[in-house]
Amino acid sequence: MSKVLQDQRGITWIRKGSGLQAGTATANFNKDADNVSKGKLVTSTSTLDMWFDGGSMAELNEEVVGLGEYGRILTVLWADSLPHPDEAEESEESDETHDENLLPSQRWRERG
């Protein structure tokens, strides 16, 4: 995990043997063995929370390549930028504070 990812609060490492998150390019790529054996390449986008428990909705680029005879795939996740950990925390707090300050009827209208 890169330093930038390590600095994101609340996310945990991906554990070996954990399943692939449905809806990611990697999971879709892995469904077809020809993608792996023929060394195909796919690029897509996903979000940090699709890959890391506790992650935010920050957009990630996902590049997947089949490693041919090795029978494996390589996924590279990268982003141009990620929210600074303090900024993400502040925005979550402001949303919570906003909700706390509303009357129940106002909360219902906003969600409806």
PDB file of N, CA and C in Angstrom:
ATOM      1  N   MET A   1       0.858  -1.166   0.000  1.00  0.00           N
ATOM      2  CA  MET A   1       0.000   0.000   0.000  1.00  0.00           C
ATOM      3  C   MET A   1       0.902   1.226   0.000  1.00  0.00           C
ATOM      4  N   SER A   2       0.588   2.163  -0.857  1.00  0.00           N
ATOM      5  CA  SER A   2       1.405   3.372  -0.954  1.00  0.00           C
ATOM      6  C   SER A   2       1.255   4.229   0.300  1.00  0.00           C
ATOM      7  N   LYS A   3       2.165   5.169   0.458  1.00  0.00           N
ATOM      8  CA  LYS A   3       2.136   6.082   1.604  1.00  0.00           C
ATOM      9  C   LYS A   3       0.822   6.866   1.648  1.00  0.00           C
ATOM     10  N   VAL A   4       0.363   7.317   0.477  1.00  0.00           N
ATOM     11  CA  VAL A   4      -0.879   8.091   0.414  1.00  0.00           C
ATOM     12  C   VAL A   4      -2.053   7.246   0.919  1.00  0.00           C
ATOM     13  N   LEU A   5      -2.095   5.971   0.527  1.00  0.00           N
ATOM     14  CA  LEU A   5      -3.168   5.106   1.019  1.00  0.00           C
ATOM     15  C   LEU A   5      -3.017   4.822   2.508  1.00  0.00           C
ATOM     16  N   GLN A   6      -1.794   4.650   2.956  1.00  0.00           N
ATOM     17  CA  GLN A   6      -1.564   4.413   4.380  1.00  0.00           C
ATOM     18  C   GLN A   6      -2.038   5.588   5.218  1.00  0.00           C
ATOM     19  N   ASP A   7      -1.965   6.797   4.661  1.00  0.00           N
ATOM     20  CA  ASP A   7      -2.376   7.993   5.395  1.00  0.00           C
ATOM     21  C   ASP A   7      -3.901   8.166   5.454  1.00  0.00           C
ATOM     22  N   GLN A   8      -4.626   7.453   4.613  1.00  0.00           N
ATOM     23  CA  GLN A   8      -6.087   7.537   4.651  1.00  0.00           C
ATOM     24  C   GLN A   8      -6.572   6.874   5.938  1.00  0.00           C
ATOM     25  N   ARG A   9      -7.335   7.587   6.715  1.00  0.00           N
ATOM     26  CA  ARG A   9      -7.797   7.065   8.008  1.00  0.00           C
ATOM     27  C   ARG A   9      -8.872   6.006   7.825  1.00  0.00           C
ATOM     28  N   GLY A  10      -8.750   4.959   8.612  1.00  0.00           N
ATOM     29  CA  GLY A  10      -9.809   3.971   8.699  1.00  0.00           C
ATOM     30  C   GLY A  10      -9.795   2.870   7.657  1.00  0.00           C
ATOM     31  N   ILE A  11      -8.886   2.907   6.679  1.00  0.00           N
ATOM     32  CA  ILE A  11      -8.897   1.832   5.692  1.00  0.00           C
ATOM     33  C   ILE A  11      -7.978   0.709   6.143  1.00  0.00           C
ATOM     34  N   THR A  12      -8.309  -0.501   5.712  1.00  0.00           N
ATOM     35  CA  THR A  12      -7.519  -1.668   6.073  1.00  0.00           C
ATOM     36  C   THR A  12      -6.950  -2.312   4.815  1.00  0.00           C
ATOM     37  N   TRP A  13      -5.861  -3.006   4.978  1.00  0.00           N
ATOM     38  CA  TRP A  13      -5.204  -3.699   3.876  1.00  0.00           C
ATOM     39  C   TRP A  13      -6.137  -4.735   3.275  1.00  0.00           C
ATOM     40  N   ILE A  14      -5.965  -5.002   2.003  1.00  0.00           N
ATOM     41  CA  ILE A  14      -6.678  -6.085   1.342  1.00  0.00           C
ATOM     42  C   ILE A  14      -5.983  -7.374   1.761  1.00  0.00           C
ATOM     43  N   ARG A  15      -6.737  -8.312   2.243  1.00  0.00           N
ATOM     44  CA  ARG A  15      -6.158  -9.572   2.719  1.00  0.00           C
ATOM     45  C   ARG A  15      -6.105 -10.605   1.591  1.00  0.00           C
ATOM     46  N   LYS A  16      -4.997 -11.337   1.561  1.00  0.00           N
ATOM     47  CA  LYS A  16      -4.841 -12.408   0.588  1.00  0.00           C
ATOM     48  C   LYS A  16      -5.971 -13.414   0.780  1.00  0.00           C
ATOM     49  N   GLY A  17      -6.561 -13.810  -0.323  1.00  0.00           N
ATOM     50  CA  GLY A  17      -7.637 -14.783  -0.263  1.00  0.00           C
ATOM     51  C   GLY A  17      -9.023 -14.172  -0.105  1.00  0.00           C
ATOM     52  N   SER A  18      -9.069 -12.848   0.128  1.00  0.00           N
ATOM     53  CA  SER A  18     -10.390 -12.223   0.221  1.00  0.00           C
ATOM     54  C   SER A  18     -10.983 -12.180  -1.185  1.00  0.00           C
ATOM     55  N   GLY A  19     -12.260 -12.295  -1.277  1.00  0.00           N
ATOM     56  CA  GLY A  19     -12.919 -12.313  -2.579  1.00  0.00           C
ATOM     57  C   GLY A  19     -12.814 -10.978  -3.285  1.00  0.00           C
ATOM     58  N   LEU A  20     -13.023 -11.016  -4.584  1.00  0.00           N
ATOM     59  CA  LEU A  20     -13.025  -9.789  -5.375  1.00  0.00           C
ATOM     60  C   LEU A  20     -14.376  -9.102  -5.240  1.00  0.00           C
ATOM     61  N   GLN A  21     -14.338  -7.795  -5.102  1.00  0.00           N
ATOM     62  CA  GLN A  21     -15.563  -7.009  -4.972  1.00  0.00           C
ATOM     63  C   GLN A  21     -16.341  -7.050  -6.292  1.00  0.00           C
ATOM     64  N   ALA A  22     -17.588  -7.495  -6.231  1.00  0.00           N
ATOM     65  CA  ALA A  22     -18.442  -7.514  -7.425  1.00  0.00           C
ATOM     66  C   ALA A  22     -18.556  -6.095  -7.978  1.00  0.00           C
ATOM     67  N   GLY A  23     -18.563  -5.995  -9.276  1.00  0.00           N
ATOM     68  CA  GLY A  23     -18.710  -4.695  -9.922  1.00  0.00           C
ATOM     69  C   GLY A  23     -17.395  -4.035 -10.284  1.00  0.00           C
ATOM     70  N   THR A  24     -16.287  -4.577  -9.819  1.00  0.00           N
ATOM     71  CA  THR A  24     -14.990  -4.013 -10.197  1.00  0.00           C
ATOM     72  C   THR A  24     -14.555  -4.621 -11.529  1.00  0.00           C
ATOM     73  N   ALA A  25     -13.703  -3.902 -12.235  1.00  0.00           N
ATOM     74  CA  ALA A  25     -13.183  -4.412 -13.503  1.00  0.00           C
ATOM     75  C   ALA A  25     -12.402  -5.702 -13.267  1.00  0.00           C
ATOM     76  N   THR A  26     -11.726  -5.796 -12.146  1.00  0.00           N
ATOM     77  CA  THR A  26     -10.947  -6.999 -11.833  1.00  0.00           C
ATOM     78  C   THR A  26     -11.851  -8.213 -11.700  1.00  0.00           C
ATOM     79  N   ALA A  27     -12.965  -8.069 -10.993  1.00  0.00           N
ATOM     80  CA  ALA A  27     -13.893  -9.193 -10.824  1.00  0.00           C
ATOM     81  C   ALA A  27     -14.470  -9.617 -12.177  1.00  0.00           C
ATOM     82  N   ASN A  28     -14.852  -8.653 -13.002  1.00  0.00           N
ATOM     83  CA  ASN A  28     -15.396  -8.973 -14.319  1.00  0.00           C
ATOM     84  C   ASN A  28     -14.346  -9.613 -15.220  1.00  0.00           C
ATOM     85  N   PHE A  29     -13.140  -9.092 -15.194  1.00  0.00           N
ATOM     86  CA  PHE A  29     -12.023  -9.604 -15.984  1.00  0.00           C
ATOM     87  C   PHE A  29     -11.737 -11.053 -15.623  1.00  0.00           C
ATOM     88  N   ASN A  30     -11.768 -11.351 -14.345  1.00  0.00           N
ATOM     89  CA  ASN A  30     -11.412 -12.665 -13.815  1.00  0.00           C
ATOM     90  C   ASN A  30     -12.426 -13.744 -14.196  1.00  0.00           C
ATOM     91  N   LYS A  31     -13.604 -13.369 -14.654  1.00  0.00           N
ATOM     92  CA  LYS A  31     -14.642 -14.338 -15.022  1.00  0.00           C
ATOM     93  C   LYS A  31     -14.313 -15.080 -16.310  1.00  0.00           C
ATOM     94  N   ASP A  32     -13.435 -14.515 -17.137  1.00  0.00           N
ATOM     95  CA  ASP A  32     -13.085 -15.115 -18.426  1.00  0.00           C
ATOM     96  C   ASP A  32     -11.608 -15.504 -18.424  1.00  0.00           C
ATOM     97  N   ALA A  33     -11.345 -16.806 -18.412  1.00  0.00           N
ATOM     98  CA  ALA A  33      -9.960 -17.307 -18.356  1.00  0.00           C
ATOM     99  C   ALA A  33      -9.129 -16.847 -19.554  1.00  0.00           C
ATOM    100  N   ASP A  34      -9.775 -16.594 -20.692  1.00  0.00           N
ATOM    101  CA  ASP A  34      -9.042 -16.110 -21.873  1.00  0.00           C
ATOM    102  C   ASP A  34      -8.398 -14.748 -21.610  1.00  0.00           C
ATOM    103  N   ASN A  35      -9.035 -13.928 -20.800  1.00  0.00           N
ATOM    104  CA  ASN A  35      -8.446 -12.623 -20.465  1.00  0.00           C
ATOM    105  C   ASN A  35      -7.071 -12.810 -19.832  1.00  0.00           C
ATOM    106  N   VAL A  36      -6.965 -13.803 -18.971  1.00  0.00           N
ATOM    107  CA  VAL A  36      -5.708 -14.059 -18.266  1.00  0.00           C
ATOM    108  C   VAL A  36      -4.696 -14.686 -19.213  1.00  0.00           C
ATOM    109  N   SER A  37      -5.089 -15.770 -19.882  1.00  0.00           N
ATOM    110  CA  SER A  37      -4.140 -16.506 -20.722  1.00  0.00           C
ATOM    111  C   SER A  37      -3.643 -15.705 -21.919  1.00  0.00           C
ATOM    112  N   LYS A  38      -4.467 -14.808 -22.437  1.00  0.00           N
ATOM    113  CA  LYS A  38      -4.079 -14.014 -23.611  1.00  0.00           C
ATOM    114  C   LYS A  38      -3.478 -12.666 -23.234  1.00  0.00           C
ATOM    115  N   GLY A  39      -3.315 -12.411 -21.934  1.00  0.00           N
ATOM    116  CA  GLY A  39      -2.665 -11.175 -21.487  1.00  0.00           C
ATOM    117  C   GLY A  39      -3.428  -9.910 -21.837  1.00  0.00           C
ATOM    118  N   LYS A  40      -4.736  -9.996 -21.801  1.00  0.00           N
ATOM    119  CA  LYS A  40      -5.548  -8.814 -22.129  1.00  0.00           C
ATOM    120  C   LYS A  40      -5.394  -7.740 -21.063  1.00  0.00           C
ATOM    121  N   LEU A  41      -5.716  -6.516 -21.457  1.00  0.00           N
ATOM    122  CA  LEU A  41      -5.631  -5.354 -20.567  1.00  0.00           C
ATOM    123  C   LEU A  41      -6.965  -4.636 -20.561  1.00  0.00           C
ATOM    124  N   VAL A  42      -7.429  -4.273 -19.372  1.00  0.00           N
ATOM    125  CA  VAL A  42      -8.679  -3.532 -19.214  1.00  0.00           C
ATOM    126  C   VAL A  42      -8.410  -2.358 -18.277  1.00  0.00           C
ATOM    127  N   THR A  43      -8.970  -1.213 -18.607  1.00  0.00           N
ATOM    128  CA  THR A  43      -8.909  -0.065 -17.706  1.00  0.00           C
ATOM    129  C   THR A  43     -10.325   0.362 -17.379  1.00  0.00           C
ATOM    130  N   SER A  44     -10.515   0.806 -16.145  1.00  0.00           N
ATOM    131  CA  SER A  44     -11.828   1.209 -15.689  1.00  0.00           C
ATOM    132  C   SER A  44     -11.664   2.129 -14.487  1.00  0.00           C
ATOM    133  N   THR A  45     -12.771   2.473 -13.870  1.00  0.00           N
ATOM    134  CA  THR A  45     -12.731   3.242 -12.626  1.00  0.00           C
ATOM    135  C   THR A  45     -13.539   2.505 -11.570  1.00  0.00           C
ATOM    136  N   SER A  46     -13.178   2.749 -10.333  1.00  0.00           N
ATOM    137  CA  SER A  46     -13.921   2.224  -9.197  1.00  0.00           C
ATOM    138  C   SER A  46     -13.747   3.238  -8.064  1.00  0.00           C
ATOM    139  N   THR A  47     -14.124   2.866  -6.874  1.00  0.00           N
ATOM    140  CA  THR A  47     -13.974   3.777  -5.745  1.00  0.00           C
ATOM    141  C   THR A  47     -13.167   3.119  -4.645  1.00  0.00           C
ATOM    142  N   LEU A  48     -12.587   3.938  -3.820  1.00  0.00           N
ATOM    143  CA  LEU A  48     -11.738   3.461  -2.729  1.00  0.00           C
ATOM    144  C   LEU A  48     -12.503   2.501  -1.832  1.00  0.00           C
ATOM    145  N   ASP A  49     -13.775   2.786  -1.557  1.00  0.00           N
ATOM    146  CA  ASP A  49     -14.543   1.928  -0.659  1.00  0.00           C
ATOM    147  C   ASP A  49     -14.875   0.567  -1.266  1.00  0.00           C
ATOM    148  N   MET A  50     -14.770   0.430  -2.592  1.00  0.00           N
ATOM    149  CA  MET A  50     -14.995  -0.879  -3.217  1.00  0.00           C
ATOM    150  C   MET A  50     -13.820  -1.815  -2.934  1.00  0.00           C
ATOM    151  N   TRP A  51     -12.672  -1.245  -2.660  1.00  0.00           N
ATOM    152  CA  TRP A  51     -11.466  -2.041  -2.464  1.00  0.00           C
ATOM    153  C   TRP A  51     -11.006  -2.125  -1.010  1.00  0.00           C
ATOM    154  N   PHE A  52     -11.227  -1.088  -0.255  1.00  0.00           N
ATOM    155  CA  PHE A  52     -10.699  -1.034   1.106  1.00  0.00           C
ATOM    156  C   PHE A  52     -11.818  -0.789   2.112  1.00  0.00           C
ATOM    157  N   ASP A  53     -11.921  -1.671   3.103  1.00  0.00           N
ATOM    158  CA  ASP A  53     -12.882  -1.433   4.180  1.00  0.00           C
ATOM    159  C   ASP A  53     -12.571  -0.099   4.823  1.00  0.00           C
ATOM    160  N   GLY A  54     -13.584   0.700   5.012  1.00  0.00           N
ATOM    161  CA  GLY A  54     -13.410   2.008   5.627  1.00  0.00           C
ATOM    162  C   GLY A  54     -12.998   3.094   4.661  1.00  0.00           C
ATOM    163  N   GLY A  55     -12.919   2.761   3.360  1.00  0.00           N
ATOM    164  CA  GLY A  55     -12.507   3.745   2.359  1.00  0.00           C
ATOM    165  C   GLY A  55     -13.619   4.720   2.036  1.00  0.00           C
ATOM    166  N   SER A  56     -13.232   5.817   1.409  1.00  0.00           N
ATOM    167  CA  SER A  56     -14.198   6.847   1.018  1.00  0.00           C
ATOM    168  C   SER A  56     -14.710   6.547  -0.394  1.00  0.00           C
ATOM    169  N   MET A  57     -15.528   7.442  -0.888  1.00  0.00           N
ATOM    170  CA  MET A  57     -16.060   7.308  -2.242  1.00  0.00           C
ATOM    171  C   MET A  57     -15.112   7.915  -3.287  1.00  0.00           C
ATOM    172  N   ALA A  58     -13.873   8.174  -2.919  1.00  0.00           N
ATOM    173  CA  ALA A  58     -12.901   8.759  -3.840  1.00  0.00           C
ATOM    174  C   ALA A  58     -12.711   7.834  -5.045  1.00  0.00           C
ATOM    175  N   GLU A  59     -12.667   8.438  -6.231  1.00  0.00           N
ATOM    176  CA  GLU A  59     -12.548   7.668  -7.462  1.00  0.00           C
ATOM    177  C   GLU A  59     -11.119   7.163  -7.656  1.00  0.00           C
ATOM    178  N   LEU A  60     -11.019   5.911  -8.081  1.00  0.00           N
ATOM    179  CA  LEU A  60      -9.735   5.285  -8.398  1.00  0.00           C
ATOM    180  C   LEU A  60      -9.744   4.838  -9.851  1.00  0.00           C
ATOM    181  N   ASN A  61      -8.584   4.827 -10.457  1.00  0.00           N
ATOM    182  CA  ASN A  61      -8.399   4.215 -11.767  1.00  0.00           C
ATOM    183  C   ASN A  61      -7.988   2.775 -11.504  1.00  0.00           C
ATOM    184  N   GLU A  62      -8.533   1.871 -12.287  1.00  0.00           N
ATOM    185  CA  GLU A  62      -8.257   0.442 -12.116  1.00  0.00           C
ATOM    186  C   GLU A  62      -7.740  -0.113 -13.437  1.00  0.00           C
ATOM    187  N   GLU A  63      -6.526  -0.636 -13.422  1.00  0.00           N
ATOM    188  CA  GLU A  63      -5.942  -1.244 -14.610  1.00  0.00           C
ATOM    189  C   GLU A  63      -5.692  -2.717 -14.309  1.00  0.00           C
ATOM    190  N   VAL A  64      -6.204  -3.582 -15.174  1.00  0.00           N
ATOM    191  CA  VAL A  64      -6.125  -5.024 -14.961  1.00  0.00           C
ATOM    192  C   VAL A  64      -5.459  -5.654 -16.177  1.00  0.00           C
ATOM    193  N   VAL A  65      -4.478  -6.511 -15.940  1.00  0.00           N
ATOM    194  CA  VAL A  65      -3.802  -7.197 -17.040  1.00  0.00           C
ATOM    195  C   VAL A  65      -3.656  -8.679 -16.678  1.00  0.00           C
ATOM    196  N   GLY A  66      -3.909  -9.527 -17.682  1.00  0.00           N
ATOM    197  CA  GLY A  66      -3.698 -10.963 -17.516  1.00  0.00           C
ATOM    198  C   GLY A  66      -2.218 -11.278 -17.653  1.00  0.00           C
ATOM    199  N   LEU A  67      -1.725 -12.163 -16.803  1.00  0.00           N
ATOM    200  CA  LEU A  67      -0.293 -12.481 -16.802  1.00  0.00           C
ATOM    201  C   LEU A  67       0.018 -13.783 -17.536  1.00  0.00           C
ATOM    202  N   GLY A  68      -0.811 -14.129 -18.520  1.00  0.00           N
ATOM    203  CA  GLY A  68      -0.536 -15.248 -19.415  1.00  0.00           C
ATOM    204  C   GLY A  68      -0.318 -16.571 -18.725  1.00  0.00           C
ATOM    205  N   GLU A  69       0.846 -17.180 -18.977  1.00  0.00           N
ATOM    206  CA  GLU A  69       1.154 -18.517 -18.485  1.00  0.00           C
ATOM    207  C   GLU A  69       1.179 -18.611 -16.966  1.00  0.00           C
ATOM    208  N   TYR A  70       1.358 -17.503 -16.300  1.00  0.00           N
ATOM    209  CA  TYR A  70       1.347 -17.522 -14.836  1.00  0.00           C
ATOM    210  C   TYR A  70      -0.047 -17.825 -14.283  1.00  0.00           C
ATOM    211  N   GLY A  71      -1.076 -17.577 -15.103  1.00  0.00           N
ATOM    212  CA  GLY A  71      -2.438 -17.851 -14.680  1.00  0.00           C
ATOM    213  C   GLY A  71      -2.969 -16.886 -13.628  1.00  0.00           C
ATOM    214  N   ARG A  72      -2.370 -15.733 -13.567  1.00  0.00           N
ATOM    215  CA  ARG A  72      -2.761 -14.728 -12.572  1.00  0.00           C
ATOM    216  C   ARG A  72      -3.115 -13.419 -13.278  1.00  0.00           C
ATOM    217  N   ILE A  73      -3.669 -12.501 -12.484  1.00  0.00           N
ATOM    218  CA  ILE A  73      -3.925 -11.159 -12.987  1.00  0.00           C
ATOM    219  C   ILE A  73      -3.213 -10.164 -12.079  1.00  0.00           C
ATOM    220  N   LEU A  74      -2.910  -9.018 -12.645  1.00  0.00           N
ATOM    221  CA  LEU A  74      -2.313  -7.921 -11.892  1.00  0.00           C
ATOM    222  C   LEU A  74      -3.271  -6.742 -11.978  1.00  0.00           C
ATOM    223  N   THR A  75      -3.634  -6.206 -10.833  1.00  0.00           N
ATOM    224  CA  THR A  75      -4.485  -5.027 -10.774  1.00  0.00           C
ATOM    225  C   THR A  75      -3.690  -3.887 -10.168  1.00  0.00           C
ATOM    226  N   VAL A  76      -3.695  -2.763 -10.844  1.00  0.00           N
ATOM    227  CA  VAL A  76      -3.054  -1.557 -10.329  1.00  0.00           C
ATOM    228  C   VAL A  76      -4.157  -0.532 -10.089  1.00  0.00           C
ATOM    229  N   LEU A  77      -4.232  -0.045  -8.865  1.00  0.00           N
ATOM    230  CA  LEU A  77      -5.198   0.988  -8.492  1.00  0.00           C
ATOM    231  C   LEU A  77      -4.424   2.280  -8.296  1.00  0.00           C
ATOM    232  N   TRP A  78      -4.906   3.367  -8.919  1.00  0.00           N
ATOM    233  CA  TRP A  78      -4.225   4.647  -8.745  1.00  0.00           C
ATOM    234  C   TRP A  78      -5.231   5.781  -8.880  1.00  0.00           C
ATOM    235  N   ALA A  79      -4.846   6.903  -8.343  1.00  0.00           N
ATOM    236  CA  ALA A  79      -5.694   8.102  -8.408  1.00  0.00           C
ATOM    237  C   ALA A  79      -4.808   9.316  -8.607  1.00  0.00           C
ATOM    238  N   ASP A  80      -5.352  10.311  -9.311  1.00  0.00           N
ATOM    239  CA  ASP A  80      -4.618  11.571  -9.469  1.00  0.00           C
ATOM    240  C   ASP A  80      -4.446  12.238  -8.116  1.00  0.00           C
ATOM    241  N   SER A  81      -5.475  12.119  -7.282  1.00  0.00           N
ATOM    242  CA  SER A  81      -5.390  12.654  -5.919  1.00  0.00           C
ATOM    243  C   SER A  81      -6.450  11.987  -5.068  1.00  0.00           C
ATOM    244  N   LEU A  82      -6.202  11.978  -3.785  1.00  0.00           N
ATOM    245  CA  LEU A  82      -7.164  11.484  -2.814  1.00  0.00           C
ATOM    246  C   LEU A  82      -7.405  12.596  -1.812  1.00  0.00           C
ATOM    247  N   PRO A  83      -8.572  12.617  -1.209  1.00  0.00           N
ATOM    248  CA  PRO A  83      -8.822  13.675  -0.225  1.00  0.00           C
ATOM    249  C   PRO A  83      -7.839  13.559   0.934  1.00  0.00           C
ATOM    250  N   HIS A  84      -7.391  14.694   1.423  1.00  0.00           N
ATOM    251  CA  HIS A  84      -6.522  14.700   2.591  1.00  0.00           C
ATOM    252  C   HIS A  84      -7.324  14.112   3.745  1.00  0.00           C
ATOM    253  N   PRO A  85      -6.723  13.247   4.557  1.00  0.00           N
ATOM    254  CA  PRO A  85      -7.474  12.608   5.642  1.00  0.00           C
ATOM    255  C   PRO A  85      -8.226  13.589   6.539  1.00  0.00           C
ATOM    256  N   ASP A  86      -7.659  14.750   6.809  1.00  0.00           N
ATOM    257  CA  ASP A  86      -8.339  15.738   7.650  1.00  0.00           C
ATOM    258  C   ASP A  86      -9.556  16.325   6.952  1.00  0.00           C
ATOM    259  N   GLU A  87      -9.472  16.533   5.630  1.00  0.00           N
ATOM    260  CA  GLU A  87     -10.594  17.086   4.871  1.00  0.00           C
ATOM    261  C   GLU A  87     -11.756  16.109   4.835  1.00  0.00           C
ATOM    262  N   ALA A  88     -11.466  14.825   4.632  1.00  0.00           N
ATOM    263  CA  ALA A  88     -12.526  13.821   4.592  1.00  0.00           C
ATOM    264  C   ALA A  88     -13.242  13.768   5.933  1.00  0.00           C
ATOM    265  N   GLU A  89     -12.485  13.842   7.011  1.00  0.00           N
ATOM    266  CA  GLU A  89     -13.066  13.801   8.351  1.00  0.00           C
ATOM    267  C   GLU A  89     -13.952  15.017   8.594  1.00  0.00           C
ATOM    268  N   GLU A  90     -13.495  16.206   8.165  1.00  0.00           N
ATOM    269  CA  GLU A  90     -14.269  17.427   8.364  1.00  0.00           C
ATOM    270  C   GLU A  90     -15.583  17.382   7.600  1.00  0.00           C
ATOM    271  N   SER A  91     -15.576  16.881   6.363  1.00  0.00           N
ATOM    272  CA  SER A  91     -16.804  16.842   5.584  1.00  0.00           C
ATOM    273  C   SER A  91     -17.797  15.857   6.196  1.00  0.00           C
ATOM    274  N   GLU A  92     -17.308  14.733   6.731  1.00  0.00           N
ATOM    275  CA  GLU A  92     -18.195  13.785   7.398  1.00  0.00           C
ATOM    276  C   GLU A  92     -18.805  14.415   8.635  1.00  0.00           C
ATOM    277  N   GLU A  93     -17.992  15.144   9.400  1.00  0.00           N
ATOM    278  CA  GLU A  93     -18.492  15.781  10.601  1.00  0.00           C
ATOM    279  C   GLU A  93     -19.523  16.844  10.264  1.00  0.00           C
ATOM    280  N   SER A  94     -19.295  17.624   9.211  1.00  0.00           N
ATOM    281  CA  SER A  94     -20.237  18.677   8.870  1.00  0.00           C
ATOM    282  C   SER A  94     -21.568  18.085   8.422  1.00  0.00           C
ATOM    283  N   ASP A  95     -21.547  16.948   7.695  1.00  0.00           N
ATOM    284  CA  ASP A  95     -22.789  16.289   7.311  1.00  0.00           C
ATOM    285  C   ASP A  95     -23.548  15.802   8.536  1.00  0.00           C
ATOM    286  N   GLU A  96     -22.812  15.195   9.488  1.00  0.00           N
ATOM    287  CA  GLU A  96     -23.447  14.716  10.710  1.00  0.00           C
ATOM    288  C   GLU A  96     -24.034  15.875  11.497  1.00  0.00           C
ATOM    289  N   THR A  97     -23.282  16.954  11.620  1.00  0.00           N
ATOM    290  CA  THR A  97     -23.754  18.120  12.357  1.00  0.00           C
ATOM    291  C   THR A  97     -24.988  18.698  11.682  1.00  0.00           C
ATOM    292  N   HIS A  98     -24.964  18.773  10.363  1.00  0.00           N
ATOM    293  CA  HIS A  98     -26.107  19.287   9.618  1.00  0.00           C
ATOM    294  C   HIS A  98     -27.352  18.451   9.927  1.00  0.00           C
ATOM    295  N   ASP A  99     -27.232  17.120   9.859  1.00  0.00           N
ATOM    296  CA  ASP A  99     -28.361  16.241  10.142  1.00  0.00           C
ATOM    297  C   ASP A  99     -28.855  16.383  11.569  1.00  0.00           C
ATOM    298  N   GLU A 100     -27.920  16.537  12.506  1.00  0.00           N
ATOM    299  CA  GLU A 100     -28.299  16.667  13.911  1.00  0.00           C
ATOM    300  C   GLU A 100     -29.091  17.944  14.166  1.00  0.00           C
ATOM    301  N   ASN A 101     -28.830  18.989  13.401  1.00  0.00           N
ATOM    302  CA  ASN A 101     -29.482  20.275  13.610  1.00  0.00           C
ATOM    303  C   ASN A 101     -30.863  20.369  12.964  1.00  0.00           C
ATOM    304  N   LEU A 102     -31.228  19.378  12.178  1.00  0.00           N
ATOM    305  CA  LEU A 102     -32.526  19.409  11.508  1.00  0.00           C
ATOM    306  C   LEU A 102     -33.616  18.827  12.396  1.00  0.00           C
ATOM    307  N   LEU A 103     -34.824  19.328  12.187  1.00  0.00           N
ATOM    308  CA  LEU A 103     -35.988  18.727  12.823  1.00  0.00           C
ATOM    309  C   LEU A 103     -36.277  17.404  12.125  1.00  0.00           C
ATOM    310  N   PRO A 104     -36.928  16.463  12.809  1.00  0.00           N
ATOM    311  CA  PRO A 104     -37.245  15.182  12.155  1.00  0.00           C
ATOM    312  C   PRO A 104     -37.977  15.350  10.829  1.00  0.00           C
ATOM    313  N   SER A 105     -38.904  16.317  10.762  1.00  0.00           N
ATOM    314  CA  SER A 105     -39.640  16.522   9.509  1.00  0.00           C
ATOM    315  C   SER A 105     -38.716  17.020   8.397  1.00  0.00           C
ATOM    316  N   GLN A 106     -37.706  17.826   8.747  1.00  0.00           N
ATOM    317  CA  GLN A 106     -36.754  18.305   7.739  1.00  0.00           C
ATOM    318  C   GLN A 106     -35.858  17.165   7.245  1.00  0.00           C
ATOM    319  N   ARG A 107     -35.429  16.283   8.162  1.00  0.00           N
ATOM    320  CA  ARG A 107     -34.616  15.138   7.776  1.00  0.00           C
ATOM    321  C   ARG A 107     -35.395  14.260   6.782  1.00  0.00           C
ATOM    322  N   TRP A 108     -36.674  14.069   7.071  1.00  0.00           N
ATOM    323  CA  TRP A 108     -37.510  13.234   6.216  1.00  0.00           C
ATOM    324  C   TRP A 108     -37.622  13.836   4.816  1.00  0.00           C
ATOM    325  N   ARG A 109     -37.818  15.147   4.736  1.00  0.00           N
ATOM    326  CA  ARG A 109     -37.942  15.822   3.426  1.00  0.00           C
ATOM    327  C   ARG A 109     -36.651  15.701   2.616  1.00  0.00           C
ATOM    328  N   GLU A 110     -35.501  15.864   3.297  1.00  0.00           N
ATOM    329  CA  GLU A 110     -34.224  15.794   2.574  1.00  0.00           C
ATOM    330  C   GLU A 110     -33.951  14.396   2.035  1.00  0.00           C
ATOM    331  N   ARG A 111     -34.385  13.403   2.741  1.00  0.00           N
ATOM    332  CA  ARG A 111     -34.131  12.017   2.305  1.00  0.00           C
ATOM    333  C   ARG A 111     -35.157  11.543   1.297  1.00  0.00           C
ATOM    334  N   GLY A 112     -36.285  12.179   1.295  1.00  0.00           N
ATOM    335  CA  GLY A 112     -37.401  11.729   0.432  1.00  0.00           C
ATOM    336  C   GLY A 112     -37.242  12.167  -0.942  1.00  0.00           C
TER     337      GLY A 112
END
